[in-house]
Amino acid sequence: MGQIKRVKLLSVIFLVLALVTATAYLLPLLKEKRQALPDIALSGGLAGLDELDFLYKGKKHELKPTQTGEEWYIDNTYPVKDQFLALIQTGFSRLKVKRVLSTEFIAQADSLFAADGIVLNWKSAEDKGSFSVVSNPNDPNSSYYRSSALANETYVAFVPGFTGDISNIFRLEAGEWRKKTLIAGSSRNIQSIQLQYSNQQSESFILSFINGDYQVIDVPTLDSTKLYTYLEHYEQLSVDKYLSLLKADSLKSVNKTDLIAQLDVKMLDARASRSLDIYKLDKEPGFALLYIRPNNEWALIKTQRLFPLMVKKAYFVKK
């Protein structure tokens, strides 16, 4: 082979090697840059979702909004704390990719996903999706992330400005998601209120939404100002403490627990409806004992929270 041909061949080989080397170096950078776009998980947070469920260690929980969208419930049982909803909303709408996980950590990630991973499925009227997150043992402020939409490749993901691992919230039991708000009612979602006094039947009343407006049964001259003022007291009715059956039995054994009244509140969304048996505690005058249906639970509530609700039928009569 002539000297000139040899030089030309070597030049071509060196050029090819240079291109291969450059491609091998630049491609991951281009890929990483592309994945750094605001892409993954729920770009709009909870907005527009019909449901979100998550699976942890074989146990599945469902999160669903009420018809009005004002509340979310976990497992159709407990209203979810506002701060938990805010965490999901801001966390997953701002979740970003740092980088593709290095090959040498993939086996470790596989083990982590299998042992401690959270699988989330979401659905809206237009779309649905699924992704998985698990704590990153090498960085407490990020997670490993996989999504079927991203070919199940493993990424290191984080929430800018967020301290901690966002997946931790999904390791909590359903009862830890619940807020203490017992009733969140307004003139938009309350269908009826019935207050039945144990020893004053004539002062009991039924307030109901009939033919597009609220009425108090057997009160023909209704004071509408007082009626809507009364409804406002149901906007955020919260208990002070939920009680175990053992603790409730203990309270009943040391107190004279007389049934004061039964309060039934029916909401537009049946899951938000509550029926309360209200008991007086003679040795704890600042509190009342509640038995709550349909959850069949006991709780303590300060009497000052109950006082605005415990009106008599005559309260609504226009004078």
C-alpha atoms as a PDB file:
ATOM      1  CA  MET A   1       0.000   0.000   0.000  1.00  0.00           C
ATOM      2  CA  GLY A   2       1.407   3.402  -0.978  1.00  0.00           C
ATOM      3  CA  GLN A   3       2.298   5.973   1.606  1.00  0.00           C
ATOM      4  CA  ILE A   4      -0.399   8.391   0.424  1.00  0.00           C
ATOM      5  CA  LYS A   5      -3.133   5.726   0.583  1.00  0.00           C
ATOM      6  CA  ARG A   6      -1.998   4.691   4.085  1.00  0.00           C
ATOM      7  CA  VAL A   7      -2.192   8.284   5.321  1.00  0.00           C
ATOM      8  CA  LYS A   8      -5.679   8.698   3.834  1.00  0.00           C
ATOM      9  CA  LEU A   9      -6.895   5.440   5.454  1.00  0.00           C
ATOM     10  CA  LEU A  10      -5.510   6.363   8.867  1.00  0.00           C
ATOM     11  CA  SER A  11      -7.115   9.785   8.564  1.00  0.00           C
ATOM     12  CA  VAL A  12     -10.522   8.185   7.901  1.00  0.00           C
ATOM     13  CA  ILE A  13     -10.075   5.778  10.841  1.00  0.00           C
ATOM     14  CA  PHE A  14      -9.118   8.623  13.189  1.00  0.00           C
ATOM     15  CA  LEU A  15     -12.112  10.668  11.994  1.00  0.00           C
ATOM     16  CA  VAL A  16     -14.513   7.770  12.626  1.00  0.00           C
ATOM     17  CA  LEU A  17     -13.030   7.167  16.085  1.00  0.00           C
ATOM     18  CA  ALA A  18     -13.351  10.856  16.879  1.00  0.00           C
ATOM     19  CA  LEU A  19     -17.013  10.874  15.842  1.00  0.00           C
ATOM     20  CA  VAL A  20     -17.772   7.721  17.868  1.00  0.00           C
ATOM     21  CA  THR A  21     -16.017   9.177  20.924  1.00  0.00           C
ATOM     22  CA  ALA A  22     -17.861  12.490  20.590  1.00  0.00           C
ATOM     23  CA  THR A  23     -21.209  10.732  20.160  1.00  0.00           C
ATOM     24  CA  ALA A  24     -20.587   8.519  23.195  1.00  0.00           C
ATOM     25  CA  TYR A  25     -19.774  11.588  25.247  1.00  0.00           C
ATOM     26  CA  LEU A  26     -22.483  13.961  24.000  1.00  0.00           C
ATOM     27  CA  LEU A  27     -25.468  11.595  23.775  1.00  0.00           C
ATOM     28  CA  PRO A  28     -25.880  11.163  27.566  1.00  0.00           C
ATOM     29  CA  LEU A  29     -25.581  14.915  27.974  1.00  0.00           C
ATOM     30  CA  LEU A  30     -28.236  15.539  25.349  1.00  0.00           C
ATOM     31  CA  LYS A  31     -30.461  12.882  26.905  1.00  0.00           C
ATOM     32  CA  GLU A  32     -29.983  14.342  30.380  1.00  0.00           C
ATOM     33  CA  LYS A  33     -30.778  17.819  29.119  1.00  0.00           C
ATOM     34  CA  ARG A  34     -33.912  16.564  27.408  1.00  0.00           C
ATOM     35  CA  GLN A  35     -35.121  14.756  30.548  1.00  0.00           C
ATOM     36  CA  ALA A  36     -34.525  17.854  32.667  1.00  0.00           C
ATOM     37  CA  LEU A  37     -37.632  19.397  31.130  1.00  0.00           C
ATOM     38  CA  PRO A  38     -40.689  19.602  33.439  1.00  0.00           C
ATOM     39  CA  ASP A  39     -42.124  16.309  32.333  1.00  0.00           C
ATOM     40  CA  ILE A  40     -42.724  13.562  34.738  1.00  0.00           C
ATOM     41  CA  ALA A  41     -45.425  12.412  37.108  1.00  0.00           C
ATOM     42  CA  LEU A  42     -48.381  14.791  37.329  1.00  0.00           C
ATOM     43  CA  SER A  43     -47.562  18.055  35.614  1.00  0.00           C
ATOM     44  CA  GLY A  44     -50.833  19.578  36.817  1.00  0.00           C
ATOM     45  CA  GLY A  45     -50.758  18.041  40.281  1.00  0.00           C
ATOM     46  CA  LEU A  46     -54.197  16.872  41.400  1.00  0.00           C
ATOM     47  CA  ALA A  47     -56.081  19.224  39.101  1.00  0.00           C
ATOM     48  CA  GLY A  48     -58.455  17.350  36.825  1.00  0.00           C
ATOM     49  CA  LEU A  49     -57.780  13.920  38.331  1.00  0.00           C
ATOM     50  CA  ASP A  50     -60.658  11.514  38.932  1.00  0.00           C
ATOM     51  CA  GLU A  51     -58.634   9.277  41.214  1.00  0.00           C
ATOM     52  CA  LEU A  52     -55.162   8.375  42.411  1.00  0.00           C
ATOM     53  CA  ASP A  53     -54.263   5.082  44.042  1.00  0.00           C
ATOM     54  CA  PHE A  54     -51.009   3.899  45.534  1.00  0.00           C
ATOM     55  CA  LEU A  55     -49.624   0.492  46.435  1.00  0.00           C
ATOM     56  CA  TYR A  56     -47.097  -0.054  49.234  1.00  0.00           C
ATOM     57  CA  LYS A  57     -45.981  -3.470  50.469  1.00  0.00           C
ATOM     58  CA  GLY A  58     -49.001  -5.126  48.865  1.00  0.00           C
ATOM     59  CA  LYS A  59     -51.527  -2.751  50.459  1.00  0.00           C
ATOM     60  CA  LYS A  60     -53.520  -0.482  48.156  1.00  0.00           C
ATOM     61  CA  HIS A  61     -55.129   2.835  49.063  1.00  0.00           C
ATOM     62  CA  GLU A  62     -57.382   5.010  46.910  1.00  0.00           C
ATOM     63  CA  LEU A  63     -57.640   8.800  46.852  1.00  0.00           C
ATOM     64  CA  LYS A  64     -60.744  10.293  45.259  1.00  0.00           C
ATOM     65  CA  PRO A  65     -62.268  13.787  45.205  1.00  0.00           C
ATOM     66  CA  THR A  66     -65.842  14.572  46.147  1.00  0.00           C
ATOM     67  CA  GLN A  67     -68.272  15.653  43.444  1.00  0.00           C
ATOM     68  CA  THR A  68     -67.563  19.298  44.206  1.00  0.00           C
ATOM     69  CA  GLY A  69     -63.798  18.703  44.289  1.00  0.00           C
ATOM     70  CA  GLU A  70     -63.565  20.499  47.633  1.00  0.00           C
ATOM     71  CA  GLU A  71     -62.486  17.387  49.519  1.00  0.00           C
ATOM     72  CA  TRP A  72     -60.461  14.260  48.829  1.00  0.00           C
ATOM     73  CA  TYR A  73     -61.118  10.987  50.630  1.00  0.00           C
ATOM     74  CA  ILE A  74     -58.777   8.098  51.272  1.00  0.00           C
ATOM     75  CA  ASP A  75     -60.336   4.655  50.857  1.00  0.00           C
ATOM     76  CA  ASN A  76     -63.797   6.266  50.680  1.00  0.00           C
ATOM     77  CA  THR A  77     -63.565   6.698  54.450  1.00  0.00           C
ATOM     78  CA  TYR A  78     -61.480   9.598  55.716  1.00  0.00           C
ATOM     79  CA  PRO A  79     -61.221  13.188  54.429  1.00  0.00           C
ATOM     80  CA  VAL A  80     -57.558  13.881  53.665  1.00  0.00           C
ATOM     81  CA  LYS A  81     -55.554  16.556  55.477  1.00  0.00           C
ATOM     82  CA  ASP A  82     -55.119  19.721  53.450  1.00  0.00           C
ATOM     83  CA  GLN A  83     -51.354  19.699  53.993  1.00  0.00           C
ATOM     84  CA  PHE A  84     -51.107  16.201  52.499  1.00  0.00           C
ATOM     85  CA  LEU A  85     -53.022  17.314  49.416  1.00  0.00           C
ATOM     86  CA  ALA A  86     -50.774  20.376  49.143  1.00  0.00           C
ATOM     87  CA  LEU A  87     -47.704  18.136  49.355  1.00  0.00           C
ATOM     88  CA  ILE A  88     -48.932  15.930  46.509  1.00  0.00           C
ATOM     89  CA  GLN A  89     -50.068  18.932  44.498  1.00  0.00           C
ATOM     90  CA  THR A  90     -46.838  20.893  44.710  1.00  0.00           C
ATOM     91  CA  GLY A  91     -44.526  17.900  44.928  1.00  0.00           C
ATOM     92  CA  PHE A  92     -45.533  15.940  41.872  1.00  0.00           C
ATOM     93  CA  SER A  93     -46.304  18.976  39.741  1.00  0.00           C
ATOM     94  CA  ARG A  94     -42.748  20.259  40.336  1.00  0.00           C
ATOM     95  CA  LEU A  95     -40.893  16.935  40.292  1.00  0.00           C
ATOM     96  CA  LYS A  96     -37.783  17.136  38.112  1.00  0.00           C
ATOM     97  CA  VAL A  97     -35.157  14.729  36.823  1.00  0.00           C
ATOM     98  CA  LYS A  98     -31.580  15.193  37.956  1.00  0.00           C
ATOM     99  CA  ARG A  99     -30.086  12.467  35.815  1.00  0.00           C
ATOM    100  CA  VAL A 100     -30.427   8.921  34.580  1.00  0.00           C
ATOM    101  CA  LEU A 101     -29.278   6.525  37.292  1.00  0.00           C
ATOM    102  CA  SER A 102     -25.790   5.166  36.708  1.00  0.00           C
ATOM    103  CA  THR A 103     -25.613   1.558  35.519  1.00  0.00           C
ATOM    104  CA  GLU A 104     -23.715   0.376  38.587  1.00  0.00           C
ATOM    105  CA  PHE A 105     -26.666   1.349  40.833  1.00  0.00           C
ATOM    106  CA  ILE A 106     -29.427  -0.308  38.797  1.00  0.00           C
ATOM    107  CA  ALA A 107     -29.254  -3.640  40.659  1.00  0.00           C
ATOM    108  CA  GLN A 108     -29.529  -1.790  43.970  1.00  0.00           C
ATOM    109  CA  ALA A 109     -32.481   0.218  42.644  1.00  0.00           C
ATOM    110  CA  ASP A 110     -34.230  -2.974  41.493  1.00  0.00           C
ATOM    111  CA  SER A 111     -33.978  -4.352  45.028  1.00  0.00           C
ATOM    112  CA  LEU A 112     -35.243  -1.108  46.550  1.00  0.00           C
ATOM    113  CA  PHE A 113     -38.246  -0.892  44.237  1.00  0.00           C
ATOM    114  CA  ALA A 114     -39.132  -4.522  44.984  1.00  0.00           C
ATOM    115  CA  ALA A 115     -38.809  -4.173  48.754  1.00  0.00           C
ATOM    116  CA  ASP A 116     -39.945  -0.619  49.497  1.00  0.00           C
ATOM    117  CA  GLY A 117     -41.202   1.000  46.307  1.00  0.00           C
ATOM    118  CA  ILE A 118     -44.443   2.947  45.957  1.00  0.00           C
ATOM    119  CA  VAL A 119     -46.518   2.368  42.822  1.00  0.00           C
ATOM    120  CA  LEU A 120     -48.914   5.188  41.937  1.00  0.00           C
ATOM    121  CA  ASN A 121     -51.674   5.032  39.333  1.00  0.00           C
ATOM    122  CA  TRP A 122     -53.629   8.104  38.292  1.00  0.00           C
ATOM    123  CA  LYS A 123     -56.598   8.657  36.031  1.00  0.00           C
ATOM    124  CA  SER A 124     -58.354  11.672  34.571  1.00  0.00           C
ATOM    125  CA  ALA A 125     -61.159  11.999  32.041  1.00  0.00           C
ATOM    126  CA  GLU A 126     -58.611  12.318  29.231  1.00  0.00           C
ATOM    127  CA  ASP A 127     -55.654  10.222  30.310  1.00  0.00           C
ATOM    128  CA  LYS A 128     -54.141   7.813  32.801  1.00  0.00           C
ATOM    129  CA  GLY A 129     -50.668   6.817  33.881  1.00  0.00           C
ATOM    130  CA  SER A 130     -48.496   4.928  36.333  1.00  0.00           C
ATOM    131  CA  PHE A 131     -45.151   5.562  37.971  1.00  0.00           C
ATOM    132  CA  SER A 132     -43.041   4.302  40.866  1.00  0.00           C
ATOM    133  CA  VAL A 133     -40.894   6.067  43.429  1.00  0.00           C
ATOM    134  CA  VAL A 134     -38.581   4.864  46.167  1.00  0.00           C
ATOM    135  CA  SER A 135     -36.150   6.557  48.546  1.00  0.00           C
ATOM    136  CA  ASN A 136     -32.648   7.228  47.251  1.00  0.00           C
ATOM    137  CA  PRO A 137     -30.228   5.826  49.854  1.00  0.00           C
ATOM    138  CA  ASN A 138     -27.463   8.067  48.527  1.00  0.00           C
ATOM    139  CA  ASP A 139     -29.406  11.329  48.837  1.00  0.00           C
ATOM    140  CA  PRO A 140     -32.160  11.923  51.427  1.00  0.00           C
ATOM    141  CA  ASN A 141     -33.619  14.773  49.355  1.00  0.00           C
ATOM    142  CA  SER A 142     -34.279  12.825  46.172  1.00  0.00           C
ATOM    143  CA  SER A 143     -35.986   9.640  44.965  1.00  0.00           C
ATOM    144  CA  TYR A 144     -35.525   6.984  42.338  1.00  0.00           C
ATOM    145  CA  TYR A 145     -38.264   7.306  39.745  1.00  0.00           C
ATOM    146  CA  ARG A 146     -39.615   4.996  37.070  1.00  0.00           C
ATOM    147  CA  SER A 147     -42.482   5.559  34.681  1.00  0.00           C
ATOM    148  CA  SER A 148     -44.070   3.458  31.979  1.00  0.00           C
ATOM    149  CA  ALA A 149     -44.166   6.649  29.905  1.00  0.00           C
ATOM    150  CA  LEU A 150     -40.366   6.826  30.106  1.00  0.00           C
ATOM    151  CA  ALA A 151     -39.718   3.173  29.192  1.00  0.00           C
ATOM    152  CA  ASN A 152     -39.255   2.289  32.878  1.00  0.00           C
ATOM    153  CA  GLU A 153     -35.734   3.648  32.838  1.00  0.00           C
ATOM    154  CA  THR A 154     -34.533   4.631  36.318  1.00  0.00           C
ATOM    155  CA  TYR A 155     -34.012   8.310  37.098  1.00  0.00           C
ATOM    156  CA  VAL A 156     -32.884  10.304  40.099  1.00  0.00           C
ATOM    157  CA  ALA A 157     -35.714  12.785  40.696  1.00  0.00           C
ATOM    158  CA  PHE A 158     -36.155  15.651  43.134  1.00  0.00           C
ATOM    159  CA  VAL A 159     -38.467  18.537  43.972  1.00  0.00           C
ATOM    160  CA  PRO A 160     -36.654  21.901  43.852  1.00  0.00           C
ATOM    161  CA  GLY A 161     -36.732  23.567  47.247  1.00  0.00           C
ATOM    162  CA  PHE A 162     -38.193  20.480  48.950  1.00  0.00           C
ATOM    163  CA  THR A 163     -36.403  18.879  51.901  1.00  0.00           C
ATOM    164  CA  GLY A 164     -36.873  15.138  52.274  1.00  0.00           C
ATOM    165  CA  ASP A 165     -38.153  12.289  50.161  1.00  0.00           C
ATOM    166  CA  ILE A 166     -41.621  12.840  48.687  1.00  0.00           C
ATOM    167  CA  SER A 167     -42.379   9.114  48.688  1.00  0.00           C
ATOM    168  CA  ASN A 168     -42.497   8.994  52.519  1.00  0.00           C
ATOM    169  CA  ILE A 169     -46.100  10.228  52.659  1.00  0.00           C
ATOM    170  CA  PHE A 170     -47.306   7.056  50.938  1.00  0.00           C
ATOM    171  CA  ARG A 171     -45.924   4.830  53.688  1.00  0.00           C
ATOM    172  CA  LEU A 172     -48.468   6.125  56.202  1.00  0.00           C
ATOM    173  CA  GLU A 173     -51.613   4.246  57.202  1.00  0.00           C
ATOM    174  CA  ALA A 174     -54.959   5.602  56.009  1.00  0.00           C
ATOM    175  CA  GLY A 175     -55.823   6.874  59.496  1.00  0.00           C
ATOM    176  CA  GLU A 176     -52.762   9.120  59.467  1.00  0.00           C
ATOM    177  CA  TRP A 177     -54.042  10.882  56.336  1.00  0.00           C
ATOM    178  CA  ARG A 178     -57.283  11.977  57.926  1.00  0.00           C
ATOM    179  CA  LYS A 179     -57.976  15.478  59.098  1.00  0.00           C
ATOM    180  CA  LYS A 180     -59.962  16.303  62.202  1.00  0.00           C
ATOM    181  CA  THR A 181     -62.611  18.166  60.258  1.00  0.00           C
ATOM    182  CA  LEU A 182     -65.803  16.261  60.885  1.00  0.00           C
ATOM    183  CA  ILE A 183     -68.111  18.252  58.632  1.00  0.00           C
ATOM    184  CA  ALA A 184     -67.184  20.734  55.916  1.00  0.00           C
ATOM    185  CA  GLY A 185     -70.578  22.047  54.891  1.00  0.00           C
ATOM    186  CA  SER A 186     -72.020  25.094  53.198  1.00  0.00           C
ATOM    187  CA  SER A 187     -75.167  26.209  51.410  1.00  0.00           C
ATOM    188  CA  ARG A 188     -73.697  24.542  48.304  1.00  0.00           C
ATOM    189  CA  ASN A 189     -73.512  21.009  49.654  1.00  0.00           C
ATOM    190  CA  ILE A 190     -75.709  20.571  52.747  1.00  0.00           C
ATOM    191  CA  GLN A 191     -78.918  18.756  51.860  1.00  0.00           C
ATOM    192  CA  SER A 192     -80.503  18.516  55.308  1.00  0.00           C
ATOM    193  CA  ILE A 193     -79.829  18.868  59.029  1.00  0.00           C
ATOM    194  CA  GLN A 194     -81.897  17.105  61.652  1.00  0.00           C
ATOM    195  CA  LEU A 195     -81.319  17.836  65.334  1.00  0.00           C
ATOM    196  CA  GLN A 196     -83.266  15.582  67.677  1.00  0.00           C
ATOM    197  CA  TYR A 197     -83.114  16.488  71.390  1.00  0.00           C
ATOM    198  CA  SER A 198     -83.493  13.591  73.818  1.00  0.00           C
ATOM    199  CA  ASN A 199     -85.660  15.396  76.365  1.00  0.00           C
ATOM    200  CA  GLN A 200     -87.061  18.303  74.342  1.00  0.00           C
ATOM    201  CA  GLN A 201     -88.880  16.836  71.361  1.00  0.00           C
ATOM    202  CA  SER A 202     -90.782  20.054  70.720  1.00  0.00           C
ATOM    203  CA  GLU A 203     -87.506  21.932  70.204  1.00  0.00           C
ATOM    204  CA  SER A 204     -86.144  19.420  67.692  1.00  0.00           C
ATOM    205  CA  PHE A 205     -86.092  20.490  64.039  1.00  0.00           C
ATOM    206  CA  ILE A 206     -85.409  19.446  60.451  1.00  0.00           C
ATOM    207  CA  LEU A 207     -83.727  21.901  58.106  1.00  0.00           C
ATOM    208  CA  SER A 208     -83.911  20.776  54.503  1.00  0.00           C
ATOM    209  CA  PHE A 209     -83.134  21.977  50.966  1.00  0.00           C
ATOM    210  CA  ILE A 210     -86.479  21.859  49.169  1.00  0.00           C
ATOM    211  CA  ASN A 211     -87.444  23.310  45.776  1.00  0.00           C
ATOM    212  CA  GLY A 212     -84.231  25.297  45.448  1.00  0.00           C
ATOM    213  CA  ASP A 213     -84.137  26.813  48.926  1.00  0.00           C
ATOM    214  CA  TYR A 214     -83.715  25.904  52.581  1.00  0.00           C
ATOM    215  CA  GLN A 215     -86.734  25.423  54.810  1.00  0.00           C
ATOM    216  CA  VAL A 216     -87.215  24.472  58.435  1.00  0.00           C
ATOM    217  CA  ILE A 217     -90.094  22.035  58.640  1.00  0.00           C
ATOM    218  CA  ASP A 218     -93.126  23.453  60.501  1.00  0.00           C
ATOM    219  CA  VAL A 219     -91.617  26.953  60.651  1.00  0.00           C
ATOM    220  CA  PRO A 220     -93.693  28.945  58.119  1.00  0.00           C
ATOM    221  CA  THR A 221     -92.306  32.401  59.026  1.00  0.00           C
ATOM    222  CA  LEU A 222     -88.626  31.691  58.601  1.00  0.00           C
ATOM    223  CA  ASP A 223     -85.840  34.130  59.484  1.00  0.00           C
ATOM    224  CA  SER A 224     -83.527  33.472  56.525  1.00  0.00           C
ATOM    225  CA  THR A 225     -80.687  35.533  58.019  1.00  0.00           C
ATOM    226  CA  LYS A 226     -80.587  33.313  61.087  1.00  0.00           C
ATOM    227  CA  LEU A 227     -80.873  30.214  58.913  1.00  0.00           C
ATOM    228  CA  TYR A 228     -77.818  31.060  56.803  1.00  0.00           C
ATOM    229  CA  THR A 229     -75.902  32.208  59.874  1.00  0.00           C
ATOM    230  CA  TYR A 230     -76.625  28.801  61.382  1.00  0.00           C
ATOM    231  CA  LEU A 231     -75.387  27.002  58.253  1.00  0.00           C
ATOM    232  CA  GLU A 232     -72.086  28.884  58.452  1.00  0.00           C
ATOM    233  CA  HIS A 233     -71.247  27.040  61.672  1.00  0.00           C
ATOM    234  CA  TYR A 234     -70.961  23.819  59.673  1.00  0.00           C
ATOM    235  CA  GLU A 235     -68.215  25.111  57.387  1.00  0.00           C
ATOM    236  CA  GLN A 236     -65.426  23.625  59.507  1.00  0.00           C
ATOM    237  CA  LEU A 237     -66.695  21.477  62.352  1.00  0.00           C
ATOM    238  CA  SER A 238     -63.673  19.658  63.785  1.00  0.00           C
ATOM    239  CA  VAL A 239     -63.250  17.193  66.606  1.00  0.00           C
ATOM    240  CA  ASP A 240     -60.460  17.669  69.120  1.00  0.00           C
ATOM    241  CA  LYS A 241     -59.435  14.044  69.392  1.00  0.00           C
ATOM    242  CA  TYR A 242     -60.466  10.692  67.976  1.00  0.00           C
ATOM    243  CA  LEU A 243     -60.688   7.978  70.631  1.00  0.00           C
ATOM    244  CA  SER A 244     -60.054   4.266  70.635  1.00  0.00           C
ATOM    245  CA  LEU A 245     -62.931   2.072  71.762  1.00  0.00           C
ATOM    246  CA  LEU A 246     -60.982   1.325  74.950  1.00  0.00           C
ATOM    247  CA  LYS A 247     -60.552   5.029  75.758  1.00  0.00           C
ATOM    248  CA  ALA A 248     -64.217   5.754  75.000  1.00  0.00           C
ATOM    249  CA  ASP A 249     -65.314   2.933  77.323  1.00  0.00           C
ATOM    250  CA  SER A 250     -63.044   4.330  80.023  1.00  0.00           C
ATOM    251  CA  LEU A 251     -64.606   7.797  79.714  1.00  0.00           C
ATOM    252  CA  LYS A 252     -68.107   6.360  79.851  1.00  0.00           C
ATOM    253  CA  SER A 253     -67.296   4.371  82.978  1.00  0.00           C
ATOM    254  CA  VAL A 254     -66.123   7.418  84.974  1.00  0.00           C
ATOM    255  CA  ASN A 255     -68.687   9.910  83.630  1.00  0.00           C
ATOM    256  CA  LYS A 256     -72.441  10.030  83.697  1.00  0.00           C
ATOM    257  CA  THR A 257     -72.895   9.941  79.936  1.00  0.00           C
ATOM    258  CA  ASP A 258     -76.377  11.222  79.136  1.00  0.00           C
ATOM    259  CA  LEU A 259     -77.421  11.404  75.486  1.00  0.00           C
ATOM    260  CA  ILE A 260     -78.071  15.074  74.784  1.00  0.00           C
ATOM    261  CA  ALA A 261     -79.094  14.896  71.144  1.00  0.00           C
ATOM    262  CA  GLN A 262     -78.691  13.217  67.788  1.00  0.00           C
ATOM    263  CA  LEU A 263     -77.464  15.310  64.878  1.00  0.00           C
ATOM    264  CA  ASP A 264     -77.804  14.069  61.298  1.00  0.00           C
ATOM    265  CA  VAL A 265     -76.162  16.050  58.507  1.00  0.00           C
ATOM    266  CA  LYS A 266     -76.768  14.867  54.952  1.00  0.00           C
ATOM    267  CA  MET A 267     -74.435  16.211  52.274  1.00  0.00           C
ATOM    268  CA  LEU A 268     -74.585  16.331  48.489  1.00  0.00           C
ATOM    269  CA  ASP A 269     -71.800  13.740  48.487  1.00  0.00           C
ATOM    270  CA  ALA A 270     -72.989  10.867  50.680  1.00  0.00           C
ATOM    271  CA  ARG A 271     -69.428  10.125  51.840  1.00  0.00           C
ATOM    272  CA  ALA A 272     -69.352  13.474  53.615  1.00  0.00           C
ATOM    273  CA  SER A 273     -72.625  12.864  55.509  1.00  0.00           C
ATOM    274  CA  ARG A 274     -72.380  12.333  59.265  1.00  0.00           C
ATOM    275  CA  SER A 275     -74.684  11.181  62.032  1.00  0.00           C
ATOM    276  CA  LEU A 276     -73.636  12.109  65.585  1.00  0.00           C
ATOM    277  CA  ASP A 277     -74.797  10.909  68.971  1.00  0.00           C
ATOM    278  CA  ILE A 278     -73.866  13.670  71.424  1.00  0.00           C
ATOM    279  CA  TYR A 279     -73.195  12.721  75.051  1.00  0.00           C
ATOM    280  CA  LYS A 280     -72.669  14.959  78.064  1.00  0.00           C
ATOM    281  CA  LEU A 281     -69.633  14.284  80.255  1.00  0.00           C
ATOM    282  CA  ASP A 282     -70.414  15.396  83.804  1.00  0.00           C
ATOM    283  CA  LYS A 283     -66.777  15.326  84.989  1.00  0.00           C
ATOM    284  CA  GLU A 284     -65.388  17.044  81.917  1.00  0.00           C
ATOM    285  CA  PRO A 285     -67.768  19.974  81.360  1.00  0.00           C
ATOM    286  CA  GLY A 286     -65.624  21.525  78.632  1.00  0.00           C
ATOM    287  CA  PHE A 287     -66.065  18.515  76.349  1.00  0.00           C
ATOM    288  CA  ALA A 288     -68.776  16.345  74.845  1.00  0.00           C
ATOM    289  CA  LEU A 289     -68.421  12.760  73.687  1.00  0.00           C
ATOM    290  CA  LEU A 290     -69.433  11.926  70.129  1.00  0.00           C
ATOM    291  CA  TYR A 291     -70.320   8.645  68.509  1.00  0.00           C
ATOM    292  CA  ILE A 292     -69.869   9.121  64.765  1.00  0.00           C
ATOM    293  CA  ARG A 293     -71.553   7.191  61.997  1.00  0.00           C
ATOM    294  CA  PRO A 294     -71.023   5.775  59.399  1.00  0.00           C
ATOM    295  CA  ASN A 295     -67.415   5.338  60.593  1.00  0.00           C
ATOM    296  CA  ASN A 296     -68.573   3.978  63.984  1.00  0.00           C
ATOM    297  CA  GLU A 297     -65.978   5.970  65.874  1.00  0.00           C
ATOM    298  CA  TRP A 298     -65.728   7.908  69.114  1.00  0.00           C
ATOM    299  CA  ALA A 299     -64.302  11.409  69.513  1.00  0.00           C
ATOM    300  CA  LEU A 300     -64.056  14.293  71.956  1.00  0.00           C
ATOM    301  CA  ILE A 301     -65.192  17.771  70.958  1.00  0.00           C
ATOM    302  CA  LYS A 302     -65.109  21.022  72.897  1.00  0.00           C
ATOM    303  CA  THR A 303     -68.580  22.144  73.909  1.00  0.00           C
ATOM    304  CA  GLN A 304     -67.813  25.631  72.581  1.00  0.00           C
ATOM    305  CA  ARG A 305     -67.612  24.115  69.075  1.00  0.00           C
ATOM    306  CA  LEU A 306     -70.991  22.450  69.534  1.00  0.00           C
ATOM    307  CA  PHE A 307     -72.776  25.371  71.203  1.00  0.00           C
ATOM    308  CA  PRO A 308     -73.590  27.292  67.962  1.00  0.00           C
ATOM    309  CA  LEU A 309     -75.168  24.134  66.502  1.00  0.00           C
ATOM    310  CA  MET A 310     -77.389  23.306  69.457  1.00  0.00           C
ATOM    311  CA  VAL A 311     -80.196  25.761  68.771  1.00  0.00           C
ATOM    312  CA  LYS A 312     -83.884  25.119  69.232  1.00  0.00           C
ATOM    313  CA  LYS A 313     -86.602  25.242  66.564  1.00  0.00           C
ATOM    314  CA  ALA A 314     -87.791  28.615  67.871  1.00  0.00           C
ATOM    315  CA  TYR A 315     -84.414  30.125  66.891  1.00  0.00           C
ATOM    316  CA  PHE A 316     -85.458  30.120  63.219  1.00  0.00           C
ATOM    317  CA  VAL A 317     -88.839  31.837  63.695  1.00  0.00           C
ATOM    318  CA  LYS A 318     -88.979  35.321  62.241  1.00  0.00           C
ATOM    319  CA  LYS A 319     -90.064  37.812  64.840  1.00  0.00           C
END
